[in-house]
PDB file of N, CA and C in Angstrom:
ATOM      1  N   MET A   1     104.686 100.390  85.367  1.00  0.00           N
ATOM      2  CA  MET A   1     104.073 100.489  86.668  1.00  0.00           C
ATOM      3  C   MET A   1     104.777 101.658  87.359  1.00  0.00           C
ATOM      4  N   ASP A   2     104.091 102.493  88.018  1.00  0.00           N
ATOM      5  CA  ASP A   2     104.638 103.588  88.861  1.00  0.00           C
ATOM      6  C   ASP A   2     104.780 103.057  90.255  1.00  0.00           C
ATOM      7  N   ILE A   3     105.483 103.778  91.107  1.00  0.00           N
ATOM      8  CA  ILE A   3     105.861 103.299  92.456  1.00  0.00           C
ATOM      9  C   ILE A   3     105.527 104.561  93.389  1.00  0.00           C
ATOM     10  N   VAL A   4     104.726 104.205  94.433  1.00  0.00           N
ATOM     11  CA  VAL A   4     104.501 105.170  95.470  1.00  0.00           C
ATOM     12  C   VAL A   4     105.381 104.657  96.657  1.00  0.00           C
ATOM     13  N   PHE A   5     106.070 105.474  97.360  1.00  0.00           N
ATOM     14  CA  PHE A   5     107.020 104.881  98.429  1.00  0.00           C
ATOM     15  C   PHE A   5     106.797 105.591  99.749  1.00  0.00           C
ATOM     16  N   VAL A   6     107.112 104.880 100.695  1.00  0.00           N
ATOM     17  CA  VAL A   6     107.233 105.420 102.186  1.00  0.00           C
ATOM     18  C   VAL A   6     108.506 104.993 102.672  1.00  0.00           C
ATOM     19  N   ARG A   7     109.462 105.904 103.070  1.00  0.00           N
ATOM     20  CA  ARG A   7     110.746 105.577 103.616  1.00  0.00           C
ATOM     21  C   ARG A   7     110.893 106.030 105.078  1.00  0.00           C
ATOM     22  N   GLY A   8     111.572 105.064 105.789  1.00  0.00           N
ATOM     23  CA  GLY A   8     111.895 105.464 107.204  1.00  0.00           C
ATOM     24  C   GLY A   8     110.726 105.605 108.135  1.00  0.00           C
ATOM     25  N   LEU A   9     109.713 104.682 107.994  1.00  0.00           N
ATOM     26  CA  LEU A   9     108.547 104.634 108.764  1.00  0.00           C
ATOM     27  C   LEU A   9     108.933 103.989 110.119  1.00  0.00           C
ATOM     28  N   ARG A  10     109.104 104.672 111.238  1.00  0.00           N
ATOM     29  CA  ARG A  10     109.642 104.144 112.487  1.00  0.00           C
ATOM     30  C   ARG A  10     108.418 103.735 113.353  1.00  0.00           C
ATOM     31  N   ILE A  11     108.417 102.553 113.843  1.00  0.00           N
ATOM     32  CA  ILE A  11     107.339 102.163 114.704  1.00  0.00           C
ATOM     33  C   ILE A  11     107.969 101.368 115.829  1.00  0.00           C
ATOM     34  N   GLU A  12     107.450 101.495 116.969  1.00  0.00           N
ATOM     35  CA  GLU A  12     107.816 100.672 118.301  1.00  0.00           C
ATOM     36  C   GLU A  12     106.940  99.464 118.327  1.00  0.00           C
ATOM     37  N   THR A  13     107.536  98.225 118.476  1.00  0.00           N
ATOM     38  CA  THR A  13     106.759  97.087 118.523  1.00  0.00           C
ATOM     39  C   THR A  13     107.445  95.985 119.300  1.00  0.00           C
ATOM     40  N   VAL A  14     106.690  94.977 119.676  1.00  0.00           N
ATOM     41  CA  VAL A  14     107.288  93.815 120.439  1.00  0.00           C
ATOM     42  C   VAL A  14     107.771  92.844 119.397  1.00  0.00           C
ATOM     43  N   ILE A  15     108.994  92.630 119.281  1.00  0.00           N
ATOM     44  CA  ILE A  15     109.629  91.675 118.315  1.00  0.00           C
ATOM     45  C   ILE A  15     110.819  91.051 118.791  1.00  0.00           C
ATOM     46  N   GLY A  16     110.938  89.728 118.583  1.00  0.00           N
ATOM     47  CA  GLY A  16     112.185  89.013 118.992  1.00  0.00           C
ATOM     48  C   GLY A  16     111.912  87.632 119.521  1.00  0.00           C
ATOM     49  N   ILE A  17     112.971  86.807 119.492  1.00  0.00           N
ATOM     50  CA  ILE A  17     112.839  85.400 119.874  1.00  0.00           C
ATOM     51  C   ILE A  17     113.282  85.215 121.279  1.00  0.00           C
ATOM     52  N   TYR A  18     113.944  86.148 121.906  1.00  0.00           N
ATOM     53  CA  TYR A  18     114.337  86.090 123.337  1.00  0.00           C
ATOM     54  C   TYR A  18     113.353  86.516 124.249  1.00  0.00           C
ATOM     55  N   GLU A  19     113.281  85.823 125.454  1.00  0.00           N
ATOM     56  CA  GLU A  19     112.219  86.216 126.384  1.00  0.00           C
ATOM     57  C   GLU A  19     112.154  87.709 126.768  1.00  0.00           C
ATOM     58  N   TRP A  20     113.309  88.290 126.988  1.00  0.00           N
ATOM     59  CA  TRP A  20     113.420  89.723 127.293  1.00  0.00           C
ATOM     60  C   TRP A  20     112.815  90.544 126.176  1.00  0.00           C
ATOM     61  N   GLU A  21     113.014  90.083 124.869  1.00  0.00           N
ATOM     62  CA  GLU A  21     112.422  90.893 123.842  1.00  0.00           C
ATOM     63  C   GLU A  21     110.903  90.923 123.754  1.00  0.00           C
ATOM     64  N   GLN A  22     110.255  89.880 124.402  1.00  0.00           N
ATOM     65  CA  GLN A  22     108.806  89.841 124.396  1.00  0.00           C
ATOM     66  C   GLN A  22     108.245  90.649 125.584  1.00  0.00           C
ATOM     67  N   GLN A  23     109.145  91.345 126.364  1.00  0.00           N
ATOM     68  CA  GLN A  23     108.715  92.220 127.390  1.00  0.00           C
ATOM     69  C   GLN A  23     108.811  93.697 127.203  1.00  0.00           C
ATOM     70  N   VAL A  24     109.504  94.079 125.965  1.00  0.00           N
ATOM     71  CA  VAL A  24     109.796  95.437 125.689  1.00  0.00           C
ATOM     72  C   VAL A  24     109.443  95.712 124.260  1.00  0.00           C
ATOM     73  N   LYS A  25     109.191  97.075 123.986  1.00  0.00           N
ATOM     74  CA  LYS A  25     108.981  97.462 122.602  1.00  0.00           C
ATOM     75  C   LYS A  25     110.239  97.860 122.088  1.00  0.00           C
ATOM     76  N   GLN A  26     110.601  97.612 120.809  1.00  0.00           N
ATOM     77  CA  GLN A  26     111.750  97.912 120.216  1.00  0.00           C
ATOM     78  C   GLN A  26     111.368  98.576 118.790  1.00  0.00           C
ATOM     79  N   PRO A  27     112.286  99.455 118.299  1.00  0.00           N
ATOM     80  CA  PRO A  27     111.973 100.160 117.070  1.00  0.00           C
ATOM     81  C   PRO A  27     112.281  99.282 115.853  1.00  0.00           C
ATOM     82  N   VAL A  28     111.455  99.319 114.987  1.00  0.00           N
ATOM     83  CA  VAL A  28     111.598  98.864 113.539  1.00  0.00           C
ATOM     84  C   VAL A  28     111.463  99.984 112.590  1.00  0.00           C
ATOM     85  N   ILE A  29     112.163  99.940 111.419  1.00  0.00           N
ATOM     86  CA  ILE A  29     111.934 100.890 110.379  1.00  0.00           C
ATOM     87  C   ILE A  29     111.466 100.160 109.141  1.00  0.00           C
ATOM     88  N   LEU A  30     110.359 100.684 108.557  1.00  0.00           N
ATOM     89  CA  LEU A  30     109.886 100.064 107.220  1.00  0.00           C
ATOM     90  C   LEU A  30     110.204 101.060 106.154  1.00  0.00           C
ATOM     91  N   ASP A  31     110.696 100.576 105.051  1.00  0.00           N
ATOM     92  CA  ASP A  31     110.701 101.221 103.721  1.00  0.00           C
ATOM     93  C   ASP A  31     109.855 100.453 102.786  1.00  0.00           C
ATOM     94  N   ILE A  32     108.912 101.164 102.197  1.00  0.00           N
ATOM     95  CA  ILE A  32     108.015 100.475 101.387  1.00  0.00           C
ATOM     96  C   ILE A  32     107.847 101.101  99.966  1.00  0.00           C
ATOM     97  N   GLU A  33     107.859 100.169  98.984  1.00  0.00           N
ATOM     98  CA  GLU A  33     107.638 100.601  97.675  1.00  0.00           C
ATOM     99  C   GLU A  33     106.298  99.824  97.136  1.00  0.00           C
ATOM    100  N   MET A  34     105.382 100.585  96.615  1.00  0.00           N
ATOM    101  CA  MET A  34     104.062  99.993  96.203  1.00  0.00           C
ATOM    102  C   MET A  34     103.840 100.272  94.696  1.00  0.00           C
ATOM    103  N   GLY A  35     103.689  99.233  93.980  1.00  0.00           N
ATOM    104  CA  GLY A  35     103.312  99.480  92.606  1.00  0.00           C
ATOM    105  C   GLY A  35     101.914  99.948  92.365  1.00  0.00           C
ATOM    106  N   CYS A  36     101.782 100.894  91.451  1.00  0.00           N
ATOM    107  CA  CYS A  36     100.374 101.367  91.087  1.00  0.00           C
ATOM    108  C   CYS A  36     100.434 102.296  89.930  1.00  0.00           C
ATOM    109  N   ASP A  37      99.307 102.660  89.448  1.00  0.00           N
ATOM    110  CA  ASP A  37      99.307 103.547  88.363  1.00  0.00           C
ATOM    111  C   ASP A  37      98.844 104.982  88.840  1.00  0.00           C
ATOM    112  N   VAL A  38      99.724 105.871  88.745  1.00  0.00           N
ATOM    113  CA  VAL A  38      99.444 107.242  89.374  1.00  0.00           C
ATOM    114  C   VAL A  38      98.767 108.170  88.395  1.00  0.00           C
ATOM    115  N   ALA A  39      98.602 107.692  87.182  1.00  0.00           N
ATOM    116  CA  ALA A  39      97.976 108.527  86.203  1.00  0.00           C
ATOM    117  C   ALA A  39      96.482 109.169  86.484  1.00  0.00           C
ATOM    118  N   ARG A  40      95.652 108.269  87.052  1.00  0.00           N
ATOM    119  CA  ARG A  40      94.267 108.664  87.384  1.00  0.00           C
ATOM    120  C   ARG A  40      94.365 109.811  88.524  1.00  0.00           C
ATOM    121  N   GLY A  41      95.042 109.491  89.541  1.00  0.00           N
ATOM    122  CA  GLY A  41      95.106 110.573  90.559  1.00  0.00           C
ATOM    123  C   GLY A  41      95.818 111.813  90.125  1.00  0.00           C
ATOM    124  N   ALA A  42      96.844 111.708  89.273  1.00  0.00           N
ATOM    125  CA  ALA A  42      97.474 112.938  88.662  1.00  0.00           C
ATOM    126  C   ALA A  42      96.461 113.664  87.756  1.00  0.00           C
ATOM    127  N   ALA A  43      95.688 113.034  87.021  1.00  0.00           N
ATOM    128  CA  ALA A  43      94.558 113.575  86.167  1.00  0.00           C
ATOM    129  C   ALA A  43      93.580 114.255  86.950  1.00  0.00           C
ATOM    130  N   THR A  44      93.050 113.738  88.087  1.00  0.00           N
ATOM    131  CA  THR A  44      91.967 114.282  88.741  1.00  0.00           C
ATOM    132  C   THR A  44      92.404 115.228  89.904  1.00  0.00           C
ATOM    133  N   ASP A  45      93.599 114.980  90.384  1.00  0.00           N
ATOM    134  CA  ASP A  45      94.181 115.647  91.636  1.00  0.00           C
ATOM    135  C   ASP A  45      93.441 115.390  92.738  1.00  0.00           C
ATOM    136  N   ARG A  46      92.824 114.215  92.999  1.00  0.00           N
ATOM    137  CA  ARG A  46      92.002 113.799  93.995  1.00  0.00           C
ATOM    138  C   ARG A  46      92.519 112.648  94.702  1.00  0.00           C
ATOM    139  N   ILE A  47      92.675 112.694  96.015  1.00  0.00           N
ATOM    140  CA  ILE A  47      93.214 111.521  96.797  1.00  0.00           C
ATOM    141  C   ILE A  47      92.447 110.269  96.676  1.00  0.00           C
ATOM    142  N   GLU A  48      91.219 110.448  96.418  1.00  0.00           N
ATOM    143  CA  GLU A  48      90.275 109.292  96.187  1.00  0.00           C
ATOM    144  C   GLU A  48      90.725 108.455  94.957  1.00  0.00           C
ATOM    145  N   ASP A  49      91.462 109.023  94.024  1.00  0.00           N
ATOM    146  CA  ASP A  49      91.889 108.420  92.832  1.00  0.00           C
ATOM    147  C   ASP A  49      93.289 107.976  92.932  1.00  0.00           C
ATOM    148  N   ALA A  50      93.921 108.055  94.102  1.00  0.00           N
ATOM    149  CA  ALA A  50      95.364 107.810  94.207  1.00  0.00           C
ATOM    150  C   ALA A  50      95.556 106.747  95.371  1.00  0.00           C
ATOM    151  N   LEU A  51      96.733 106.176  95.376  1.00  0.00           N
ATOM    152  CA  LEU A  51      97.077 105.295  96.548  1.00  0.00           C
ATOM    153  C   LEU A  51      97.451 106.190  97.598  1.00  0.00           C
ATOM    154  N   ASP A  52      96.751 106.212  98.737  1.00  0.00           N
ATOM    155  CA  ASP A  52      96.943 107.094  99.899  1.00  0.00           C
ATOM    156  C   ASP A  52      97.910 106.651 100.864  1.00  0.00           C
ATOM    157  N   TYR A  53      99.186 107.091 100.535  1.00  0.00           N
ATOM    158  CA  TYR A  53     100.374 106.614 101.384  1.00  0.00           C
ATOM    159  C   TYR A  53     100.198 107.046 102.932  1.00  0.00           C
ATOM    160  N   LYS A  54      99.440 108.027 103.213  1.00  0.00           N
ATOM    161  CA  LYS A  54      99.218 108.417 104.632  1.00  0.00           C
ATOM    162  C   LYS A  54      98.249 107.302 105.241  1.00  0.00           C
ATOM    163  N   ALA A  55      97.221 106.874 104.525  1.00  0.00           N
ATOM    164  CA  ALA A  55      96.377 105.819 104.964  1.00  0.00           C
ATOM    165  C   ALA A  55      97.104 104.449 105.187  1.00  0.00           C
ATOM    166  N   VAL A  56      97.993 104.142 104.281  1.00  0.00           N
ATOM    167  CA  VAL A  56      98.786 103.039 104.392  1.00  0.00           C
ATOM    168  C   VAL A  56      99.768 103.190 105.656  1.00  0.00           C
ATOM    169  N   SER A  57     100.345 104.263 105.781  1.00  0.00           N
ATOM    170  CA  SER A  57     101.265 104.427 106.942  1.00  0.00           C
ATOM    171  C   SER A  57     100.495 104.312 108.250  1.00  0.00           C
ATOM    172  N   LYS A  58      99.338 104.897 108.251  1.00  0.00           N
ATOM    173  CA  LYS A  58      98.593 104.955 109.570  1.00  0.00           C
ATOM    174  C   LYS A  58      98.098 103.467 109.915  1.00  0.00           C
ATOM    175  N   ARG A  59      97.666 102.730 108.895  1.00  0.00           N
ATOM    176  CA  ARG A  59      97.271 101.346 109.104  1.00  0.00           C
ATOM    177  C   ARG A  59      98.396 100.451 109.554  1.00  0.00           C
ATOM    178  N   LEU A  60      99.593 100.626 108.973  1.00  0.00           N
ATOM    179  CA  LEU A  60     100.734  99.896 109.416  1.00  0.00           C
ATOM    180  C   LEU A  60     101.190 100.284 110.803  1.00  0.00           C
ATOM    181  N   LYS A  61     101.220 101.588 111.151  1.00  0.00           N
ATOM    182  CA  LYS A  61     101.554 102.058 112.478  1.00  0.00           C
ATOM    183  C   LYS A  61     100.665 101.334 113.485  1.00  0.00           C
ATOM    184  N   ALA A  62      99.387 101.284 113.253  1.00  0.00           N
ATOM    185  CA  ALA A  62      98.430 100.571 114.122  1.00  0.00           C
ATOM    186  C   ALA A  62      98.713  99.126 114.294  1.00  0.00           C
ATOM    187  N   PHE A  63      98.812  98.478 113.131  1.00  0.00           N
ATOM    188  CA  PHE A  63      99.058  96.979 113.241  1.00  0.00           C
ATOM    189  C   PHE A  63     100.388  96.700 113.802  1.00  0.00           C
ATOM    190  N   VAL A  64     101.490  97.235 113.398  1.00  0.00           N
ATOM    191  CA  VAL A  64     102.846  96.977 113.920  1.00  0.00           C
ATOM    192  C   VAL A  64     103.032  97.354 115.454  1.00  0.00           C
ATOM    193  N   GLY A  65     102.304  98.536 115.733  1.00  0.00           N
ATOM    194  CA  GLY A  65     102.377  98.874 117.155  1.00  0.00           C
ATOM    195  C   GLY A  65     101.799  97.991 118.111  1.00  0.00           C
ATOM    196  N   GLU A  66     100.734  97.255 117.639  1.00  0.00           N
ATOM    197  CA  GLU A  66     100.082  96.217 118.495  1.00  0.00           C
ATOM    198  C   GLU A  66     100.667  94.810 118.318  1.00  0.00           C
ATOM    199  N   ALA A  67     101.480  94.493 117.355  1.00  0.00           N
ATOM    200  CA  ALA A  67     101.803  93.233 117.032  1.00  0.00           C
ATOM    201  C   ALA A  67     102.821  92.713 118.065  1.00  0.00           C
ATOM    202  N   ARG A  68     102.865  91.266 118.098  1.00  0.00           N
ATOM    203  CA  ARG A  68     103.902  90.644 118.971  1.00  0.00           C
ATOM    204  C   ARG A  68     104.324  89.413 118.102  1.00  0.00           C
ATOM    205  N   PHE A  69     105.549  89.475 117.514  1.00  0.00           N
ATOM    206  CA  PHE A  69     106.032  88.401 116.680  1.00  0.00           C
ATOM    207  C   PHE A  69     107.526  88.101 117.156  1.00  0.00           C
ATOM    208  N   GLY A  70     107.854  86.904 116.849  1.00  0.00           N
ATOM    209  CA  GLY A  70     109.310  86.514 117.130  1.00  0.00           C
ATOM    210  C   GLY A  70     110.100  86.937 116.027  1.00  0.00           C
ATOM    211  N   LEU A  71     109.781  86.652 114.817  1.00  0.00           N
ATOM    212  CA  LEU A  71     110.618  86.930 113.636  1.00  0.00           C
ATOM    213  C   LEU A  71     110.335  88.153 112.795  1.00  0.00           C
ATOM    214  N   VAL A  72     111.317  88.900 112.387  1.00  0.00           N
ATOM    215  CA  VAL A  72     111.023  89.902 111.462  1.00  0.00           C
ATOM    216  C   VAL A  72     110.393  89.560 110.150  1.00  0.00           C
ATOM    217  N   GLU A  73     110.710  88.258 109.689  1.00  0.00           N
ATOM    218  CA  GLU A  73     110.187  87.684 108.542  1.00  0.00           C
ATOM    219  C   GLU A  73     108.590  87.632 108.675  1.00  0.00           C
ATOM    220  N   THR A  74     108.083  87.158 109.812  1.00  0.00           N
ATOM    221  CA  THR A  74     106.668  87.030 110.005  1.00  0.00           C
ATOM    222  C   THR A  74     106.059  88.492 109.964  1.00  0.00           C
ATOM    223  N   LEU A  75     106.541  89.513 110.620  1.00  0.00           N
ATOM    224  CA  LEU A  75     106.029  90.789 110.631  1.00  0.00           C
ATOM    225  C   LEU A  75     106.045  91.398 109.191  1.00  0.00           C
ATOM    226  N   ALA A  76     107.203  91.224 108.429  1.00  0.00           N
ATOM    227  CA  ALA A  76     107.279  91.771 107.045  1.00  0.00           C
ATOM    228  C   ALA A  76     106.159  91.142 106.262  1.00  0.00           C
ATOM    229  N   GLU A  77     105.929  89.765 106.264  1.00  0.00           N
ATOM    230  CA  GLU A  77     104.921  89.195 105.525  1.00  0.00           C
ATOM    231  C   GLU A  77     103.520  89.612 105.812  1.00  0.00           C
ATOM    232  N   ARG A  78     103.256  89.925 107.086  1.00  0.00           N
ATOM    233  CA  ARG A  78     101.904  90.532 107.546  1.00  0.00           C
ATOM    234  C   ARG A  78     101.785  91.826 106.995  1.00  0.00           C
ATOM    235  N   CYS A  79     102.684  92.650 107.031  1.00  0.00           N
ATOM    236  CA  CYS A  79     102.650  93.996 106.672  1.00  0.00           C
ATOM    237  C   CYS A  79     102.490  94.025 105.113  1.00  0.00           C
ATOM    238  N   ALA A  80     103.093  93.211 104.362  1.00  0.00           N
ATOM    239  CA  ALA A  80     103.018  93.105 102.849  1.00  0.00           C
ATOM    240  C   ALA A  80     101.620  92.654 102.509  1.00  0.00           C
ATOM    241  N   ALA A  81     101.072  91.712 103.287  1.00  0.00           N
ATOM    242  CA  ALA A  81      99.692  91.300 102.995  1.00  0.00           C
ATOM    243  C   ALA A  81      98.712  92.348 103.209  1.00  0.00           C
ATOM    244  N   ILE A  82      98.867  93.175 104.337  1.00  0.00           N
ATOM    245  CA  ILE A  82      97.911  94.192 104.501  1.00  0.00           C
ATOM    246  C   ILE A  82      97.929  95.196 103.382  1.00  0.00           C
ATOM    247  N   ILE A  83      99.055  95.549 102.995  1.00  0.00           N
ATOM    248  CA  ILE A  83      99.146  96.475 101.850  1.00  0.00           C
ATOM    249  C   ILE A  83      98.516  96.003 100.625  1.00  0.00           C
ATOM    250  N   ARG A  84      98.754  94.670 100.212  1.00  0.00           N
ATOM    251  CA  ARG A  84      98.193  94.244  99.073  1.00  0.00           C
ATOM    252  C   ARG A  84      96.709  94.026  99.149  1.00  0.00           C
ATOM    253  N   GLU A  85      96.281  93.364 100.196  1.00  0.00           N
ATOM    254  CA  GLU A  85      94.913  93.034 100.333  1.00  0.00           C
ATOM    255  C   GLU A  85      93.986  94.244 100.700  1.00  0.00           C
ATOM    256  N   GLU A  86      94.375  95.051 101.564  1.00  0.00           N
ATOM    257  CA  GLU A  86      93.508  96.168 101.939  1.00  0.00           C
ATOM    258  C   GLU A  86      93.641  97.498 101.179  1.00  0.00           C
ATOM    259  N   PHE A  87      94.643  97.561 100.420  1.00  0.00           N
ATOM    260  CA  PHE A  87      94.808  98.732  99.640  1.00  0.00           C
ATOM    261  C   PHE A  87      94.967  98.443  98.105  1.00  0.00           C
ATOM    262  N   GLY A  88      94.689  97.110  97.727  1.00  0.00           N
ATOM    263  CA  GLY A  88      94.630  96.760  96.341  1.00  0.00           C
ATOM    264  C   GLY A  88      96.002  97.003  95.528  1.00  0.00           C
ATOM    265  N   VAL A  89      97.110  96.851  96.141  1.00  0.00           N
ATOM    266  CA  VAL A  89      98.393  97.072  95.611  1.00  0.00           C
ATOM    267  C   VAL A  89      98.891  95.687  94.979  1.00  0.00           C
ATOM    268  N   PRO A  90      99.110  95.651  93.659  1.00  0.00           N
ATOM    269  CA  PRO A  90      99.467  94.482  93.013  1.00  0.00           C
ATOM    270  C   PRO A  90     100.918  93.966  93.300  1.00  0.00           C
ATOM    271  N   TRP A  91     101.840  94.928  93.726  1.00  0.00           N
ATOM    272  CA  TRP A  91     103.113  94.643  93.915  1.00  0.00           C
ATOM    273  C   TRP A  91     103.731  95.470  95.004  1.00  0.00           C
ATOM    274  N   VAL A  92     104.379  94.834  95.986  1.00  0.00           N
ATOM    275  CA  VAL A  92     105.054  95.611  97.109  1.00  0.00           C
ATOM    276  C   VAL A  92     106.466  95.154  97.290  1.00  0.00           C
ATOM    277  N   ARG A  93     107.410  96.081  97.557  1.00  0.00           N
ATOM    278  CA  ARG A  93     108.715  95.626  98.138  1.00  0.00           C
ATOM    279  C   ARG A  93     108.752  96.471  99.564  1.00  0.00           C
ATOM    280  N   LEU A  94     109.026  95.471 100.508  1.00  0.00           N
ATOM    281  CA  LEU A  94     109.103  96.042 101.826  1.00  0.00           C
ATOM    282  C   LEU A  94     110.411  95.674 102.503  1.00  0.00           C
ATOM    283  N   SER A  95     111.085  96.602 103.096  1.00  0.00           N
ATOM    284  CA  SER A  95     112.239  96.427 103.919  1.00  0.00           C
ATOM    285  C   SER A  95     111.887  96.653 105.415  1.00  0.00           C
ATOM    286  N   LEU A  96     112.218  95.730 106.189  1.00  0.00           N
ATOM    287  CA  LEU A  96     111.995  95.864 107.587  1.00  0.00           C
ATOM    288  C   LEU A  96     113.336  95.777 108.296  1.00  0.00           C
ATOM    289  N   ASN A  97     113.696  96.920 109.054  1.00  0.00           N
ATOM    290  CA  ASN A  97     114.983  96.968 109.692  1.00  0.00           C
ATOM    291  C   ASN A  97     114.797  96.945 111.268  1.00  0.00           C
ATOM    292  N   LYS A  98     115.331  96.042 111.794  1.00  0.00           N
ATOM    293  CA  LYS A  98     115.277  95.935 113.383  1.00  0.00           C
ATOM    294  C   LYS A  98     116.488  96.574 113.887  1.00  0.00           C
ATOM    295  N   ILE A  99     116.433  97.823 114.232  1.00  0.00           N
ATOM    296  CA  ILE A  99     117.519  98.694 114.754  1.00  0.00           C
ATOM    297  C   ILE A  99     118.078  98.013 115.997  1.00  0.00           C
ATOM    298  N   GLY A 100     119.397  98.040 116.051  1.00  0.00           N
ATOM    299  CA  GLY A 100     120.144  97.509 117.222  1.00  0.00           C
ATOM    300  C   GLY A 100     120.022  96.082 117.610  1.00  0.00           C
ATOM    301  N   ALA A 101     119.576  95.240 116.633  1.00  0.00           N
ATOM    302  CA  ALA A 101     119.458  93.865 116.973  1.00  0.00           C
ATOM    303  C   ALA A 101     120.842  93.112 117.052  1.00  0.00           C
ATOM    304  N   VAL A 102     121.808  93.688 116.293  1.00  0.00           N
ATOM    305  CA  VAL A 102     123.143  93.091 116.354  1.00  0.00           C
ATOM    306  C   VAL A 102     124.162  94.138 116.711  1.00  0.00           C
ATOM    307  N   SER A 103     124.832  93.803 117.857  1.00  0.00           N
ATOM    308  CA  SER A 103     125.985  94.836 118.135  1.00  0.00           C
ATOM    309  C   SER A 103     126.799  95.145 117.132  1.00  0.00           C
ATOM    310  N   GLY A 104     127.028  96.422 116.876  1.00  0.00           N
ATOM    311  CA  GLY A 104     127.995  96.903 115.872  1.00  0.00           C
ATOM    312  C   GLY A 104     127.413  97.144 114.490  1.00  0.00           C
ATOM    313  N   ALA A 105     126.125  96.667 114.314  1.00  0.00           N
ATOM    314  CA  ALA A 105     125.336  96.889 113.050  1.00  0.00           C
ATOM    315  C   ALA A 105     124.258  98.009 113.230  1.00  0.00           C
ATOM    316  N   GLU A 106     124.082  98.783 112.233  1.00  0.00           N
ATOM    317  CA  GLU A 106     123.013  99.744 112.202  1.00  0.00           C
ATOM    318  C   GLU A 106     121.682  99.197 112.312  1.00  0.00           C
ATOM    319  N   GLY A 107     121.572  97.994 111.807  1.00  0.00           N
ATOM    320  CA  GLY A 107     120.242  97.252 111.848  1.00  0.00           C
ATOM    321  C   GLY A 107     120.389  95.958 111.096  1.00  0.00           C
ATOM    322  N   VAL A 108     119.467  95.102 111.216  1.00  0.00           N
ATOM    323  CA  VAL A 108     119.331  93.808 110.507  1.00  0.00           C
ATOM    324  C   VAL A 108     117.781  93.660 110.050  1.00  0.00           C
ATOM    325  N   GLY A 109     117.618  92.850 109.157  1.00  0.00           N
ATOM    326  CA  GLY A 109     116.162  92.726 108.832  1.00  0.00           C
ATOM    327  C   GLY A 109     116.015  91.907 107.528  1.00  0.00           C
ATOM    328  N   VAL A 110     114.953  92.164 106.909  1.00  0.00           N
ATOM    329  CA  VAL A 110     114.623  91.442 105.658  1.00  0.00           C
ATOM    330  C   VAL A 110     114.090  92.465 104.583  1.00  0.00           C
ATOM    331  N   ILE A 111     114.233  92.147 103.434  1.00  0.00           N
ATOM    332  CA  ILE A 111     113.648  92.805 102.234  1.00  0.00           C
ATOM    333  C   ILE A 111     112.768  91.761 101.435  1.00  0.00           C
ATOM    334  N   ILE A 112     111.472  92.003 101.348  1.00  0.00           N
ATOM    335  CA  ILE A 112     110.704  91.096 100.436  1.00  0.00           C
ATOM    336  C   ILE A 112     109.923  91.735  99.512  1.00  0.00           C
ATOM    337  N   GLU A 113     109.617  91.006  98.441  1.00  0.00           N
ATOM    338  CA  GLU A 113     108.767  91.506  97.273  1.00  0.00           C
ATOM    339  C   GLU A 113     107.716  90.565  97.098  1.00  0.00           C
ATOM    340  N   ARG A 114     106.406  91.095  97.008  1.00  0.00           N
ATOM    341  CA  ARG A 114     105.341  90.250  96.782  1.00  0.00           C
ATOM    342  C   ARG A 114     104.556  90.809  95.766  1.00  0.00           C
ATOM    343  N   GLY A 115     103.843  89.844  94.945  1.00  0.00           N
ATOM    344  CA  GLY A 115     102.975  90.257  93.808  1.00  0.00           C
ATOM    345  C   GLY A 115     103.822  90.304  92.578  1.00  0.00           C
ATOM    346  N   ARG A 116     103.070  90.976  91.561  1.00  0.00           N
ATOM    347  CA  ARG A 116     103.689  90.990  90.195  1.00  0.00           C
ATOM    348  C   ARG A 116     103.923  92.512  89.878  1.00  0.00           C
ATOM    349  N   ARG A 117     105.122  92.815  89.422  1.00  0.00           N
ATOM    350  CA  ARG A 117     105.459  94.168  88.942  1.00  0.00           C
ATOM    351  C   ARG A 117     105.458  94.174  87.457  1.00  0.00           C
ATOM    352  N   ASP A 118     104.260  94.622  86.917  1.00  0.00           N
ATOM    353  CA  ASP A 118     104.122  94.659  85.498  1.00  0.00           C
ATOM    354  C   ASP A 118     104.589  95.846  84.929  1.00  0.00           C
TER     355      ASP A 118
END
């Protein structure tokens, strides 16, 4: 299985369990690895035959930008589901980093893998 990736996708969103966090947008950074077969796209050199990472990024920016969740786990699960269901990706590894959530740390978050990596 080949991997198409998007690294450092920064999106402002409402995320957090504290009342003040539900009043402001905070940055999250997504790193995404998506399992796919790149051979067909490579053979035809047509975006229609490839996993369009720009379309995936655009969809996630729209979703995350409008989302309102308490937990990073919930947001990560929803993003992984969008990638798998809407873009036909059989396996995804997604890292969601909530920048500045813990004083003294560059970020905190979760890394999830969903689907089968064959």
